[in-house]
Structures are given as structure tokens and as C-alpha cells.
Amino acid sequence: MRAGEAGLEDYKLKQLKERVDELCEKIIAGISKEDFFHKEKEVQMLCQRLFPEKLELYRLIYQNRFKRLWEQFRGENISFEEQNGKES
């Protein structure tokens, strides 16, 4: 990887991290479930655009992080299948 490529990779990672952190803050602040799922889908699509080969890693790391925060600060479990209209 060349210096310019490393810089671009760092920039893309920073963009994703900022959006993930914003969503985490919104969970803590009390975002509605509907708004949460909408915002989470936006973050997931950003990840897919920036790192298409890492989407499964996104699901393993960030969706689990969102679930843990939701449970900790909202006192209920969420399922990402809910956003597709299916509860599990």
C-alpha cells in the first residue's frame, strides 16, 4: 500500500468511525427505535460504499456494539431483523 492509499484508507475509516460514534451517542441520548434503525441502515450503507469487503465485519462488530448499548441504556433487546419488518 502506498502512502496516498494509506491516507485514503485512514480517511475512510475516520468517516465510518465518526458516524458510528454519532449513532452510539444517539442511543445513549434516547433516539427512537424507528429513527435508530433508519440511522443504522445509513451507517451500514456508508460502510458498504467505503469497505464493501468488510460488511460482515461491520455486522459482527458494530451491530453487536449497538445492541449492547441499546440494552444497557434502553433496557430492552433489539434485533436487526426488526428493521426489515421481521421480529425475532
PDB file of N, CA and C in Angstrom:
ATOM      1  N   MET A   1       0.844  -1.179   0.000  1.00  0.00           N
ATOM      2  CA  MET A   1       0.000   0.000   0.000  1.00  0.00           C
ATOM      3  C   MET A   1       0.885   1.236   0.000  1.00  0.00           C
ATOM      4  N   ARG A   2       0.595   2.138  -0.886  1.00  0.00           N
ATOM      5  CA  ARG A   2       1.367   3.377  -0.978  1.00  0.00           C
ATOM      6  C   ARG A   2       0.868   4.395   0.033  1.00  0.00           C
ATOM      7  N   ALA A   3       1.658   5.431   0.234  1.00  0.00           N
ATOM      8  CA  ALA A   3       1.327   6.461   1.223  1.00  0.00           C
ATOM      9  C   ALA A   3      -0.034   7.091   0.945  1.00  0.00           C
ATOM     10  N   GLY A   4      -0.323   7.407  -0.312  1.00  0.00           N
ATOM     11  CA  GLY A   4      -1.614   8.003  -0.664  1.00  0.00           C
ATOM     12  C   GLY A   4      -2.770   7.061  -0.395  1.00  0.00           C
ATOM     13  N   GLU A   5      -2.558   5.778  -0.668  1.00  0.00           N
ATOM     14  CA  GLU A   5      -3.598   4.786  -0.407  1.00  0.00           C
ATOM     15  C   GLU A   5      -3.842   4.637   1.086  1.00  0.00           C
ATOM     16  N   ALA A   6      -2.764   4.669   1.863  1.00  0.00           N
ATOM     17  CA  ALA A   6      -2.905   4.567   3.321  1.00  0.00           C
ATOM     18  C   ALA A   6      -3.663   5.774   3.860  1.00  0.00           C
ATOM     19  N   GLY A   7      -3.395   6.943   3.304  1.00  0.00           N
ATOM     20  CA  GLY A   7      -4.103   8.150   3.735  1.00  0.00           C
ATOM     21  C   GLY A   7      -5.583   8.077   3.416  1.00  0.00           C
ATOM     22  N   LEU A   8      -5.903   7.569   2.233  1.00  0.00           N
ATOM     23  CA  LEU A   8      -7.308   7.413   1.842  1.00  0.00           C
ATOM     24  C   LEU A   8      -8.006   6.404   2.755  1.00  0.00           C
ATOM     25  N   GLU A   9      -7.330   5.314   3.045  1.00  0.00           N
ATOM     26  CA  GLU A   9      -7.895   4.289   3.933  1.00  0.00           C
ATOM     27  C   GLU A   9      -8.164   4.873   5.325  1.00  0.00           C
ATOM     28  N   ASP A  10      -7.216   5.650   5.829  1.00  0.00           N
ATOM     29  CA  ASP A  10      -7.390   6.296   7.134  1.00  0.00           C
ATOM     30  C   ASP A  10      -8.566   7.266   7.111  1.00  0.00           C
ATOM     31  N   TYR A  11      -8.698   8.021   6.031  1.00  0.00           N
ATOM     32  CA  TYR A  11      -9.796   8.967   5.898  1.00  0.00           C
ATOM     33  C   TYR A  11     -11.138   8.248   5.897  1.00  0.00           C
ATOM     34  N   LYS A  12     -11.239   7.175   5.118  1.00  0.00           N
ATOM     35  CA  LYS A  12     -12.495   6.418   5.050  1.00  0.00           C
ATOM     36  C   LYS A  12     -12.835   5.810   6.403  1.00  0.00           C
ATOM     37  N   LEU A  13     -11.840   5.282   7.085  1.00  0.00           N
ATOM     38  CA  LEU A  13     -12.069   4.696   8.397  1.00  0.00           C
ATOM     39  C   LEU A  13     -12.528   5.752   9.397  1.00  0.00           C
ATOM     40  N   LYS A  14     -11.947   6.934   9.315  1.00  0.00           N
ATOM     41  CA  LYS A  14     -12.350   8.038  10.200  1.00  0.00           C
ATOM     42  C   LYS A  14     -13.804   8.424   9.952  1.00  0.00           C
ATOM     43  N   GLN A  15     -14.202   8.470   8.678  1.00  0.00           N
ATOM     44  CA  GLN A  15     -15.590   8.802   8.340  1.00  0.00           C
ATOM     45  C   GLN A  15     -16.562   7.793   8.946  1.00  0.00           C
ATOM     46  N   LEU A  16     -16.249   6.518   8.809  1.00  0.00           N
ATOM     47  CA  LEU A  16     -17.112   5.470   9.355  1.00  0.00           C
ATOM     48  C   LEU A  16     -17.154   5.551  10.877  1.00  0.00           C
ATOM     49  N   LYS A  17     -16.008   5.714  11.499  1.00  0.00           N
ATOM     50  CA  LYS A  17     -15.940   5.779  12.963  1.00  0.00           C
ATOM     51  C   LYS A  17     -16.755   6.950  13.496  1.00  0.00           C
ATOM     52  N   GLU A  18     -16.679   8.099  12.833  1.00  0.00           N
ATOM     53  CA  GLU A  18     -17.451   9.269  13.277  1.00  0.00           C
ATOM     54  C   GLU A  18     -18.950   8.985  13.226  1.00  0.00           C
ATOM     55  N   ARG A  19     -19.418   8.349  12.169  1.00  0.00           N
ATOM     56  CA  ARG A  19     -20.842   8.037  12.051  1.00  0.00           C
ATOM     57  C   ARG A  19     -21.277   7.012  13.086  1.00  0.00           C
ATOM     58  N   VAL A  20     -20.425   6.006  13.345  1.00  0.00           N
ATOM     59  CA  VAL A  20     -20.730   5.005  14.361  1.00  0.00           C
ATOM     60  C   VAL A  20     -20.801   5.680  15.738  1.00  0.00           C
ATOM     61  N   ASP A  21     -19.843   6.520  16.043  1.00  0.00           N
ATOM     62  CA  ASP A  21     -19.831   7.217  17.337  1.00  0.00           C
ATOM     63  C   ASP A  21     -21.058   8.105  17.511  1.00  0.00           C
ATOM     64  N   GLU A  22     -21.461   8.790  16.440  1.00  0.00           N
ATOM     65  CA  GLU A  22     -22.666   9.623  16.498  1.00  0.00           C
ATOM     66  C   GLU A  22     -23.890   8.776  16.832  1.00  0.00           C
ATOM     67  N   LEU A  23     -24.010   7.622  16.199  1.00  0.00           N
ATOM     68  CA  LEU A  23     -25.157   6.759  16.455  1.00  0.00           C
ATOM     69  C   LEU A  23     -25.123   6.221  17.883  1.00  0.00           C
ATOM     70  N   CYS A  24     -23.955   5.889  18.372  1.00  0.00           N
ATOM     71  CA  CYS A  24     -23.836   5.437  19.764  1.00  0.00           C
ATOM     72  C   CYS A  24     -24.304   6.529  20.726  1.00  0.00           C
ATOM     73  N   GLU A  25     -23.910   7.769  20.460  1.00  0.00           N
ATOM     74  CA  GLU A  25     -24.347   8.885  21.296  1.00  0.00           C
ATOM     75  C   GLU A  25     -25.861   9.053  21.247  1.00  0.00           C
ATOM     76  N   LYS A  26     -26.448   8.853  20.082  1.00  0.00           N
ATOM     77  CA  LYS A  26     -27.907   8.974  19.947  1.00  0.00           C
ATOM     78  C   LYS A  26     -28.631   7.876  20.724  1.00  0.00           C
ATOM     79  N   ILE A  27     -28.068   6.677  20.735  1.00  0.00           N
ATOM     80  CA  ILE A  27     -28.663   5.594  21.525  1.00  0.00           C
ATOM     81  C   ILE A  27     -28.692   6.002  22.991  1.00  0.00           C
ATOM     82  N   ILE A  28     -27.578   6.498  23.476  1.00  0.00           N
ATOM     83  CA  ILE A  28     -27.472   6.905  24.880  1.00  0.00           C
ATOM     84  C   ILE A  28     -28.430   8.059  25.181  1.00  0.00           C
ATOM     85  N   ALA A  29     -28.597   8.969  24.220  1.00  0.00           N
ATOM     86  CA  ALA A  29     -29.460  10.138  24.417  1.00  0.00           C
ATOM     87  C   ALA A  29     -30.944   9.808  24.319  1.00  0.00           C
ATOM     88  N   GLY A  30     -31.294   8.627  23.758  1.00  0.00           N
ATOM     89  CA  GLY A  30     -32.700   8.240  23.734  1.00  0.00           C
ATOM     90  C   GLY A  30     -33.377   8.296  22.379  1.00  0.00           C
ATOM     91  N   ILE A  31     -32.661   8.069  21.306  1.00  0.00           N
ATOM     92  CA  ILE A  31     -33.250   8.035  19.962  1.00  0.00           C
ATOM     93  C   ILE A  31     -34.380   6.991  19.923  1.00  0.00           C
ATOM     94  N   SER A  32     -35.406   7.277  19.140  1.00  0.00           N
ATOM     95  CA  SER A  32     -36.495   6.303  18.998  1.00  0.00           C
ATOM     96  C   SER A  32     -35.992   5.086  18.231  1.00  0.00           C
ATOM     97  N   LYS A  33     -36.663   3.964  18.425  1.00  0.00           N
ATOM     98  CA  LYS A  33     -36.265   2.736  17.739  1.00  0.00           C
ATOM     99  C   LYS A  33     -36.355   2.904  16.226  1.00  0.00           C
ATOM    100  N   GLU A  34     -37.409   3.547  15.753  1.00  0.00           N
ATOM    101  CA  GLU A  34     -37.585   3.768  14.322  1.00  0.00           C
ATOM    102  C   GLU A  34     -36.441   4.611  13.752  1.00  0.00           C
ATOM    103  N   ASP A  35     -36.116   5.707  14.432  1.00  0.00           N
ATOM    104  CA  ASP A  35     -35.013   6.565  13.984  1.00  0.00           C
ATOM    105  C   ASP A  35     -33.674   5.831  14.071  1.00  0.00           C
ATOM    106  N   PHE A  36     -33.509   5.034  15.112  1.00  0.00           N
ATOM    107  CA  PHE A  36     -32.279   4.262  15.254  1.00  0.00           C
ATOM    108  C   PHE A  36     -32.075   3.344  14.058  1.00  0.00           C
ATOM    109  N   PHE A  37     -33.108   2.573  13.701  1.00  0.00           N
ATOM    110  CA  PHE A  37     -32.967   1.646  12.590  1.00  0.00           C
ATOM    111  C   PHE A  37     -32.697   2.383  11.282  1.00  0.00           C
ATOM    112  N   HIS A  38     -33.309   3.543  11.105  1.00  0.00           N
ATOM    113  CA  HIS A  38     -33.064   4.350   9.906  1.00  0.00           C
ATOM    114  C   HIS A  38     -31.599   4.802   9.862  1.00  0.00           C
ATOM    115  N   LYS A  39     -31.111   5.344  10.973  1.00  0.00           N
ATOM    116  CA  LYS A  39     -29.723   5.817  11.038  1.00  0.00           C
ATOM    117  C   LYS A  39     -28.734   4.661  10.916  1.00  0.00           C
ATOM    118  N   GLU A  40     -29.040   3.537  11.541  1.00  0.00           N
ATOM    119  CA  GLU A  40     -28.133   2.386  11.466  1.00  0.00           C
ATOM    120  C   GLU A  40     -28.014   1.902  10.032  1.00  0.00           C
ATOM    121  N   LYS A  41     -29.112   1.900   9.299  1.00  0.00           N
ATOM    122  CA  LYS A  41     -29.082   1.488   7.891  1.00  0.00           C
ATOM    123  C   LYS A  41     -28.203   2.444   7.082  1.00  0.00           C
ATOM    124  N   GLU A  42     -28.275   3.745   7.385  1.00  0.00           N
ATOM    125  CA  GLU A  42     -27.421   4.717   6.705  1.00  0.00           C
ATOM    126  C   GLU A  42     -25.942   4.436   6.977  1.00  0.00           C
ATOM    127  N   VAL A  43     -25.611   4.128   8.234  1.00  0.00           N
ATOM    128  CA  VAL A  43     -24.225   3.828   8.595  1.00  0.00           C
ATOM    129  C   VAL A  43     -23.776   2.543   7.891  1.00  0.00           C
ATOM    130  N   GLN A  44     -24.646   1.557   7.847  1.00  0.00           N
ATOM    131  CA  GLN A  44     -24.319   0.303   7.176  1.00  0.00           C
ATOM    132  C   GLN A  44     -24.071   0.531   5.681  1.00  0.00           C
ATOM    133  N   MET A  45     -24.882   1.365   5.055  1.00  0.00           N
ATOM    134  CA  MET A  45     -24.689   1.659   3.631  1.00  0.00           C
ATOM    135  C   MET A  45     -23.387   2.427   3.404  1.00  0.00           C
ATOM    136  N   LEU A  46     -23.027   3.312   4.337  1.00  0.00           N
ATOM    137  CA  LEU A  46     -21.747   4.003   4.244  1.00  0.00           C
ATOM    138  C   LEU A  46     -20.602   2.995   4.292  1.00  0.00           C
ATOM    139  N   CYS A  47     -20.682   2.072   5.210  1.00  0.00           N
ATOM    140  CA  CYS A  47     -19.663   1.029   5.313  1.00  0.00           C
ATOM    141  C   CYS A  47     -19.591   0.235   4.014  1.00  0.00           C
ATOM    142  N   GLN A  48     -20.728  -0.081   3.456  1.00  0.00           N
ATOM    143  CA  GLN A  48     -20.757  -0.862   2.217  1.00  0.00           C
ATOM    144  C   GLN A  48     -20.105  -0.093   1.072  1.00  0.00           C
ATOM    145  N   ARG A  49     -20.315   1.225   1.025  1.00  0.00           N
ATOM    146  CA  ARG A  49     -19.679   2.037  -0.016  1.00  0.00           C
ATOM    147  C   ARG A  49     -18.168   2.150   0.191  1.00  0.00           C
ATOM    148  N   LEU A  50     -17.758   2.368   1.448  1.00  0.00           N
ATOM    149  CA  LEU A  50     -16.342   2.590   1.733  1.00  0.00           C
ATOM    150  C   LEU A  50     -15.533   1.304   1.779  1.00  0.00           C
ATOM    151  N   PHE A  51     -16.126   0.265   2.350  1.00  0.00           N
ATOM    152  CA  PHE A  51     -15.426  -1.010   2.565  1.00  0.00           C
ATOM    153  C   PHE A  51     -16.334  -2.182   2.195  1.00  0.00           C
ATOM    154  N   PRO A  52     -16.653  -2.366   0.932  1.00  0.00           N
ATOM    155  CA  PRO A  52     -17.611  -3.415   0.555  1.00  0.00           C
ATOM    156  C   PRO A  52     -17.190  -4.814   1.011  1.00  0.00           C
ATOM    157  N   GLU A  53     -15.920  -5.051   1.100  1.00  0.00           N
ATOM    158  CA  GLU A  53     -15.430  -6.370   1.512  1.00  0.00           C
ATOM    159  C   GLU A  53     -15.501  -6.576   3.019  1.00  0.00           C
ATOM    160  N   LYS A  54     -15.848  -5.536   3.766  1.00  0.00           N
ATOM    161  CA  LYS A  54     -15.849  -5.614   5.234  1.00  0.00           C
ATOM    162  C   LYS A  54     -17.248  -5.557   5.838  1.00  0.00           C
ATOM    163  N   LEU A  55     -18.287  -5.723   5.040  1.00  0.00           N
ATOM    164  CA  LEU A  55     -19.651  -5.587   5.551  1.00  0.00           C
ATOM    165  C   LEU A  55     -19.962  -6.618   6.641  1.00  0.00           C
ATOM    166  N   GLU A  56     -19.502  -7.831   6.488  1.00  0.00           N
ATOM    167  CA  GLU A  56     -19.754  -8.843   7.523  1.00  0.00           C
ATOM    168  C   GLU A  56     -19.040  -8.465   8.825  1.00  0.00           C
ATOM    169  N   LEU A  57     -17.863  -7.910   8.706  1.00  0.00           N
ATOM    170  CA  LEU A  57     -17.128  -7.450   9.887  1.00  0.00           C
ATOM    171  C   LEU A  57     -17.884  -6.310  10.570  1.00  0.00           C
ATOM    172  N   TYR A  58     -18.470  -5.412   9.773  1.00  0.00           N
ATOM    173  CA  TYR A  58     -19.315  -4.345  10.316  1.00  0.00           C
ATOM    174  C   TYR A  58     -20.432  -4.946  11.165  1.00  0.00           C
ATOM    175  N   ARG A  59     -21.103  -5.947  10.607  1.00  0.00           N
ATOM    176  CA  ARG A  59     -22.225  -6.571  11.326  1.00  0.00           C
ATOM    177  C   ARG A  59     -21.761  -7.211  12.628  1.00  0.00           C
ATOM    178  N   LEU A  60     -20.630  -7.868  12.587  1.00  0.00           N
ATOM    179  CA  LEU A  60     -20.121  -8.541  13.788  1.00  0.00           C
ATOM    180  C   LEU A  60     -19.698  -7.548  14.869  1.00  0.00           C
ATOM    181  N   ILE A  61     -19.060  -6.481  14.466  1.00  0.00           N
ATOM    182  CA  ILE A  61     -18.528  -5.537  15.447  1.00  0.00           C
ATOM    183  C   ILE A  61     -19.551  -4.463  15.815  1.00  0.00           C
ATOM    184  N   TYR A  62     -19.988  -3.697  14.823  1.00  0.00           N
ATOM    185  CA  TYR A  62     -20.795  -2.517  15.127  1.00  0.00           C
ATOM    186  C   TYR A  62     -22.237  -2.844  15.481  1.00  0.00           C
ATOM    187  N   GLN A  63     -22.871  -3.775  14.778  1.00  0.00           N
ATOM    188  CA  GLN A  63     -24.242  -4.091  15.152  1.00  0.00           C
ATOM    189  C   GLN A  63     -24.291  -4.682  16.559  1.00  0.00           C
ATOM    190  N   ASN A  64     -23.328  -5.489  16.910  1.00  0.00           N
ATOM    191  CA  ASN A  64     -23.294  -6.013  18.277  1.00  0.00           C
ATOM    192  C   ASN A  64     -23.054  -4.903  19.291  1.00  0.00           C
ATOM    193  N   ARG A  65     -22.226  -3.941  18.928  1.00  0.00           N
ATOM    194  CA  ARG A  65     -21.995  -2.786  19.812  1.00  0.00           C
ATOM    195  C   ARG A  65     -23.289  -2.000  20.006  1.00  0.00           C
ATOM    196  N   PHE A  66     -24.019  -1.750  18.915  1.00  0.00           N
ATOM    197  CA  PHE A  66     -25.289  -1.032  19.015  1.00  0.00           C
ATOM    198  C   PHE A  66     -26.279  -1.800  19.897  1.00  0.00           C
ATOM    199  N   LYS A  67     -26.332  -3.111  19.723  1.00  0.00           N
ATOM    200  CA  LYS A  67     -27.248  -3.928  20.528  1.00  0.00           C
ATOM    201  C   LYS A  67     -26.916  -3.841  22.013  1.00  0.00           C
ATOM    202  N   ARG A  68     -25.622  -3.927  22.331  1.00  0.00           N
ATOM    203  CA  ARG A  68     -25.212  -3.841  23.742  1.00  0.00           C
ATOM    204  C   ARG A  68     -25.568  -2.488  24.341  1.00  0.00           C
ATOM    205  N   LEU A  69     -25.315  -1.415  23.600  1.00  0.00           N
ATOM    206  CA  LEU A  69     -25.655  -0.079  24.100  1.00  0.00           C
ATOM    207  C   LEU A  69     -27.161   0.077  24.266  1.00  0.00           C
ATOM    208  N   TRP A  70     -27.921  -0.427  23.308  1.00  0.00           N
ATOM    209  CA  TRP A  70     -29.385  -0.321  23.391  1.00  0.00           C
ATOM    210  C   TRP A  70     -29.883  -1.032  24.650  1.00  0.00           C
ATOM    211  N   GLU A  71     -29.363  -2.225  24.876  1.00  0.00           N
ATOM    212  CA  GLU A  71     -29.777  -2.979  26.061  1.00  0.00           C
ATOM    213  C   GLU A  71     -29.352  -2.257  27.342  1.00  0.00           C
ATOM    214  N   GLN A  72     -28.147  -1.740  27.369  1.00  0.00           N
ATOM    215  CA  GLN A  72     -27.631  -1.071  28.566  1.00  0.00           C
ATOM    216  C   GLN A  72     -28.391   0.211  28.873  1.00  0.00           C
ATOM    217  N   PHE A  73     -28.640   1.035  27.865  1.00  0.00           N
ATOM    218  CA  PHE A  73     -29.219   2.353  28.112  1.00  0.00           C
ATOM    219  C   PHE A  73     -30.727   2.416  27.885  1.00  0.00           C
ATOM    220  N   ARG A  74     -31.284   1.439  27.186  1.00  0.00           N
ATOM    221  CA  ARG A  74     -32.712   1.454  26.912  1.00  0.00           C
ATOM    222  C   ARG A  74     -33.456   0.332  27.624  1.00  0.00           C
ATOM    223  N   GLY A  75     -32.707  -0.633  28.159  1.00  0.00           N
ATOM    224  CA  GLY A  75     -33.312  -1.701  28.943  1.00  0.00           C
ATOM    225  C   GLY A  75     -34.137  -2.692  28.155  1.00  0.00           C
ATOM    226  N   GLU A  76     -33.889  -2.792  26.867  1.00  0.00           N
ATOM    227  CA  GLU A  76     -34.603  -3.777  26.055  1.00  0.00           C
ATOM    228  C   GLU A  76     -33.674  -4.310  24.972  1.00  0.00           C
ATOM    229  N   ASN A  77     -33.994  -5.482  24.497  1.00  0.00           N
ATOM    230  CA  ASN A  77     -33.224  -6.084  23.417  1.00  0.00           C
ATOM    231  C   ASN A  77     -33.766  -5.608  22.084  1.00  0.00           C
ATOM    232  N   ILE A  78     -32.879  -5.493  21.107  1.00  0.00           N
ATOM    233  CA  ILE A  78     -33.302  -5.197  19.743  1.00  0.00           C
ATOM    234  C   ILE A  78     -32.718  -6.259  18.819  1.00  0.00           C
ATOM    235  N   SER A  79     -33.367  -6.402  17.697  1.00  0.00           N
ATOM    236  CA  SER A  79     -32.916  -7.349  16.687  1.00  0.00           C
ATOM    237  C   SER A  79     -32.867  -6.612  15.356  1.00  0.00           C
ATOM    238  N   PHE A  80     -31.817  -6.811  14.613  1.00  0.00           N
ATOM    239  CA  PHE A  80     -31.709  -6.115  13.337  1.00  0.00           C
ATOM    240  C   PHE A  80     -32.658  -6.673  12.295  1.00  0.00           C
ATOM    241  N   GLU A  81     -33.287  -7.794  12.566  1.00  0.00           N
ATOM    242  CA  GLU A  81     -34.327  -8.288  11.696  1.00  0.00           C
ATOM    243  C   GLU A  81     -35.579  -7.419  11.812  1.00  0.00           C
ATOM    244  N   GLU A  82     -35.731  -6.714  12.951  1.00  0.00           N
ATOM    245  CA  GLU A  82     -36.887  -5.829  13.137  1.00  0.00           C
ATOM    246  C   GLU A  82     -36.943  -4.743  12.075  1.00  0.00           C
ATOM    247  N   GLN A  83     -35.794  -4.249  11.653  1.00  0.00           N
ATOM    248  CA  GLN A  83     -35.768  -3.172  10.695  1.00  0.00           C
ATOM    249  C   GLN A  83     -36.283  -3.624   9.340  1.00  0.00           C
ATOM    250  N   ASN A  84     -36.307  -4.907   9.114  1.00  0.00           N
ATOM    251  CA  ASN A  84     -36.846  -5.445   7.863  1.00  0.00           C
ATOM    252  C   ASN A  84     -38.287  -5.898   8.016  1.00  0.00           C
ATOM    253  N   GLY A  85     -38.888  -5.531   9.143  1.00  0.00           N
ATOM    254  CA  GLY A  85     -40.279  -5.879   9.377  1.00  0.00           C
ATOM    255  C   GLY A  85     -40.483  -7.259   9.974  1.00  0.00           C
ATOM    256  N   LYS A  86     -39.399  -7.919  10.370  1.00  0.00           N
ATOM    257  CA  LYS A  86     -39.488  -9.248  10.960  1.00  0.00           C
ATOM    258  C   LYS A  86     -38.903  -9.197  12.355  1.00  0.00           C
ATOM    259  N   GLU A  87     -39.659  -9.558  13.334  1.00  0.00           N
ATOM    260  CA  GLU A  87     -39.155  -9.635  14.700  1.00  0.00           C
ATOM    261  C   GLU A  87     -38.618 -11.015  14.965  1.00  0.00           C
ATOM    262  N   SER A  88     -37.534 -11.082  15.731  1.00  0.00           N
ATOM    263  CA  SER A  88     -37.014 -12.398  16.098  1.00  0.00           C
ATOM    264  C   SER A  88     -36.879 -12.501  17.581  1.00  0.00           C
TER     265      SER A  88
END
